[in-house]
Protein backbone atom coordinates (compact mmCIF):
# COMPACT_ATOMS: atom_id res chain seq x y z
CA MET A 1 45.14 -90.84 -1.66
CA VAL A 2 45.86 -88.65 1.73
CA ALA A 3 43.22 -86.32 3.00
CA THR A 4 43.98 -83.40 4.23
CA LEU A 5 41.94 -82.10 7.65
CA PRO A 6 41.56 -78.54 8.61
CA ASP A 7 43.46 -77.53 11.56
CA VAL A 8 40.86 -77.24 14.65
CA GLY A 9 43.10 -76.74 17.36
CA SER A 10 44.31 -72.98 16.77
CA GLY A 11 41.16 -71.86 17.89
CA GLN A 12 41.26 -69.05 15.52
CA SER A 13 38.46 -68.17 13.40
CA THR A 14 37.95 -64.96 11.73
CA SER A 15 34.10 -65.77 10.76
CA GLY A 16 32.96 -66.73 13.97
CA ALA A 17 34.76 -64.25 16.23
CA ARG A 18 32.40 -61.94 18.28
CA ARG A 19 33.02 -58.47 18.28
CA PRO A 20 32.22 -56.36 21.51
CA PRO A 21 29.02 -54.24 21.40
CA ALA A 22 29.89 -50.64 20.29
CA PRO A 23 30.32 -47.93 22.66
CA TRP A 24 27.25 -45.78 21.47
CA PHE A 25 25.17 -48.95 21.86
CA VAL A 26 25.90 -49.58 25.41
CA LEU A 27 25.66 -45.54 26.23
CA GLY A 28 22.20 -45.72 24.54
CA ALA A 29 21.10 -48.89 26.68
CA VAL A 30 21.85 -46.97 29.92
CA VAL A 31 20.24 -43.52 28.96
CA LEU A 32 17.10 -45.65 28.17
CA LEU A 33 17.23 -47.27 31.50
CA VAL A 34 17.73 -43.71 33.23
CA ILE A 35 14.89 -42.44 31.15
CA ALA A 36 12.68 -45.79 32.46
CA GLY A 37 13.63 -45.19 35.96
CA TYR A 38 12.89 -41.57 36.02
CA PHE A 39 9.40 -41.94 34.69
CA ALA A 40 8.92 -45.11 36.58
CA ALA A 41 10.08 -43.69 40.11
CA PRO A 42 6.61 -42.12 40.86
CA HIS A 43 4.95 -44.94 40.57
CA LEU A 44 6.82 -46.69 43.43
CA VAL A 45 5.51 -44.55 46.08
CA ARG A 46 2.74 -45.86 47.97
CA LEU A 47 1.31 -43.66 50.51
CA THR A 48 -1.51 -44.40 53.14
CA ALA A 49 -3.44 -42.72 55.98
CA SER A 50 -2.11 -45.50 58.85
CA GLU A 51 -5.01 -43.79 61.19
CA PRO A 52 -8.33 -42.13 60.32
CA PRO A 53 -8.01 -38.46 60.21
CA SER A 54 -8.94 -36.22 63.08
CA PHE A 55 -10.91 -33.06 63.05
CA SER A 56 -11.54 -30.12 65.02
CA ALA A 57 -14.58 -30.09 66.89
CA GLY A 58 -17.74 -29.42 65.13
CA ALA A 59 -16.08 -29.67 61.62
CA VAL A 60 -17.59 -32.93 60.54
CA VAL A 61 -20.34 -35.30 60.75
CA THR A 62 -19.38 -38.97 60.33
CA VAL A 63 -22.19 -41.19 58.07
CA PRO A 64 -20.63 -44.62 57.83
CA SER A 65 -23.77 -45.63 55.66
CA PHE A 66 -23.42 -42.90 53.19
CA GLY A 67 -21.33 -44.05 50.16
CA GLU A 68 -19.33 -46.92 49.42
CA ARG A 69 -16.88 -46.59 52.16
CA GLY A 70 -19.08 -44.12 54.74
CA THR A 71 -18.64 -40.30 54.63
CA HIS A 72 -17.22 -37.61 56.54
CA ILE A 73 -19.55 -34.75 55.70
CA LEU A 74 -17.80 -31.33 56.31
CA ALA A 75 -20.44 -28.61 58.16
CA TYR A 76 -19.62 -25.86 55.49
CA GLU A 77 -19.36 -22.27 57.04
CA TYR A 78 -18.18 -19.51 54.65
CA GLY A 79 -14.43 -18.02 56.08
CA LYS A 80 -14.40 -20.88 59.05
CA GLN A 81 -11.34 -22.56 59.46
CA PHE A 82 -10.60 -26.17 61.03
CA THR A 83 -7.56 -28.39 61.38
CA VAL A 84 -7.22 -32.06 59.84
CA ARG A 85 -4.81 -34.24 61.49
CA VAL A 86 -3.46 -37.40 59.53
CA PRO A 87 -0.54 -39.89 60.04
CA ILE A 88 0.66 -40.51 56.56
CA SER A 89 2.91 -43.40 55.89
CA ASN A 90 5.22 -44.46 53.14
CA SER A 91 5.02 -48.29 52.27
CA GLY A 92 6.54 -48.03 48.83
CA MET A 93 9.92 -48.49 47.81
CA VAL A 94 11.58 -45.47 47.41
CA PRO A 95 11.53 -41.96 49.45
CA MET A 96 9.66 -38.89 48.69
CA THR A 97 10.43 -35.40 49.10
CA VAL A 98 7.05 -34.02 50.26
CA THR A 99 6.51 -30.26 49.37
CA ASP A 100 2.76 -29.82 50.06
CA VAL A 101 -0.15 -31.54 51.28
CA ALA A 102 -3.93 -30.66 50.71
CA LEU A 103 -7.62 -32.03 51.05
CA THR A 104 -7.54 -31.77 46.99
CA ASP A 105 -5.79 -30.86 43.92
CA GLU A 106 -8.95 -29.27 42.26
CA PRO A 107 -9.14 -25.64 41.56
CA ARG A 108 -10.96 -23.48 43.81
CA PRO A 109 -11.78 -26.03 46.40
CA LEU A 110 -14.54 -25.73 49.00
CA ALA A 111 -12.38 -26.75 51.70
CA GLU A 112 -8.96 -25.11 50.54
CA THR A 113 -5.76 -25.71 52.76
CA VAL A 114 -4.04 -22.62 54.02
CA ALA A 115 -1.32 -24.15 55.91
CA VAL A 116 0.73 -27.30 56.34
CA THR A 117 2.92 -28.47 59.24
CA VAL A 118 4.56 -31.74 60.16
CA THR A 119 4.96 -32.30 63.89
CA GLY A 120 5.57 -28.87 64.14
CA GLU A 121 7.89 -28.42 60.95
CA ARG A 122 7.54 -26.94 57.82
CA LEU A 123 7.75 -28.57 54.57
CA PRO A 124 9.53 -29.92 52.42
CA LEU A 125 10.48 -32.95 54.21
CA THR A 126 11.66 -36.36 52.99
CA LEU A 127 9.34 -39.59 53.86
CA TRP A 128 11.23 -42.58 53.67
CA PRO A 129 10.04 -46.21 52.89
CA GLY A 130 8.44 -47.49 56.52
CA ASP A 131 8.05 -43.94 57.96
CA THR A 132 5.18 -42.01 58.85
CA MET A 133 4.94 -38.15 59.10
CA ARG A 134 1.79 -36.71 61.20
CA VAL A 135 0.56 -34.14 58.94
CA GLU A 136 -1.73 -31.07 60.59
CA LEU A 137 -3.62 -29.41 57.75
CA ARG A 138 -5.15 -25.94 58.64
CA VAL A 139 -8.39 -25.72 56.16
CA ARG A 140 -10.56 -22.64 55.42
CA PHE A 141 -13.98 -22.82 53.79
CA GLY A 142 -14.44 -20.87 50.86
CA ASN A 143 -14.63 -20.42 46.86
CA CYS A 144 -18.43 -20.97 47.08
CA ARG A 145 -19.39 -18.16 44.53
CA TYR A 146 -17.98 -20.97 41.95
CA TYR A 147 -20.40 -23.56 43.03
CA HIS A 148 -23.81 -24.03 42.62
CA GLU A 149 -26.30 -24.03 45.77
CA ARG A 150 -25.77 -27.29 47.10
CA GLU A 151 -23.31 -28.37 44.65
CA MET A 152 -21.05 -31.46 46.41
CA GLN A 153 -17.15 -31.66 46.15
CA ASN A 154 -15.78 -35.25 47.07
CA MET A 155 -12.18 -35.75 48.73
CA SER A 156 -11.09 -39.43 49.23
CA GLY A 157 -7.83 -38.46 51.13
CA ALA A 158 -4.92 -36.24 51.40
CA VAL A 159 -3.24 -35.33 48.29
CA VAL A 160 0.54 -34.96 48.58
CA THR A 161 2.86 -33.55 46.15
CA GLY A 162 6.58 -33.91 45.66
CA HIS A 163 9.38 -35.33 44.28
CA VAL A 164 10.77 -38.94 43.90
CA LEU A 165 14.47 -39.59 42.66
CA GLY A 166 13.94 -36.10 40.82
CA ALA A 167 10.67 -36.51 39.12
CA SER A 168 7.53 -34.94 39.94
CA ALA A 169 5.01 -36.96 42.03
CA VAL A 170 1.42 -36.80 43.45
CA ALA A 171 -0.08 -39.23 45.51
CA THR A 172 -3.13 -40.04 47.33
CA ALA A 173 -3.22 -40.99 50.77
CA ARG A 174 -6.75 -42.68 51.16
CA PHE A 175 -8.88 -41.66 54.22
CA ASP A 176 -11.01 -44.22 55.81
CA HIS A 177 -14.30 -42.39 54.84
CA ASP A 178 -14.48 -40.11 51.78
CA LEU A 179 -14.54 -36.42 52.67
CA LEU A 180 -17.72 -34.50 51.31
CA ALA A 181 -18.16 -30.69 51.18
CA HIS A 182 -21.51 -29.18 50.17
CA SER A 183 -21.62 -25.56 48.77
CA PRO A 184 -24.15 -23.53 50.80
CA MET A 185 -27.07 -21.65 49.74
CA ILE A 186 -27.02 -18.40 48.22
CA ILE A 187 -27.63 -16.35 51.39
CA GLY A 188 -24.46 -18.59 53.09
CA CYS A 189 -21.91 -17.34 50.68
CA PRO A 190 -20.81 -13.48 50.88
CA ASP A 191 -19.17 -13.82 47.86
CA ARG A 192 -22.32 -14.38 45.51
CA THR A 193 -24.64 -11.61 44.35
CA LEU A 194 -28.65 -12.10 44.57
CA VAL A 195 -28.62 -12.21 40.84
CA ARG A 196 -28.58 -15.57 39.60
CA GLY A 197 -25.95 -15.99 36.75
CA ASP A 198 -23.96 -12.97 38.10
CA ASP A 199 -21.20 -15.32 39.51
CA LEU A 200 -18.77 -17.42 37.39
CA ARG A 201 -19.23 -21.32 37.59
CA ARG A 202 -16.69 -23.72 37.51
């Protein structure tokens, strides 16, 4: 009796052949990677205030023992303007195109940023990884009519708005101490009336 063995040397097998991925599958995977990168890009930015901020004379009183990290208390005087200078560094992995910097992104802030310059230049500017931009903020006290007397607004750092690889991004460069603004008493806020309840509160 003669046994017939299968031909294993031809290397051809129709059942075990691997087909290349369909073009639509490859395209879909690429699209998903692009979308994931777009949404992940803003989280790759790491901004820090590389030095403590400096303020115009008389603008703040620093109380190291107030709060967890100490506090810079703003000397609120309606309509008065002061300057904040702070170096902001990008310790992240991607560049950020900076379009605005402010002390807070809350609506109607007690300390409202009215002008921003970076070493004498205007925004927008690109902050590359490892680089530092020296930001100067011109800030005006206002909006007290929207707050109750002695209400406090806390600001932890410079709020930086911009774009990272085409995606909108907001990051905070934290100060060494929190920044605290107190709403004045009713007689210190010209925007208020003397009738309680007349003014819109936040």
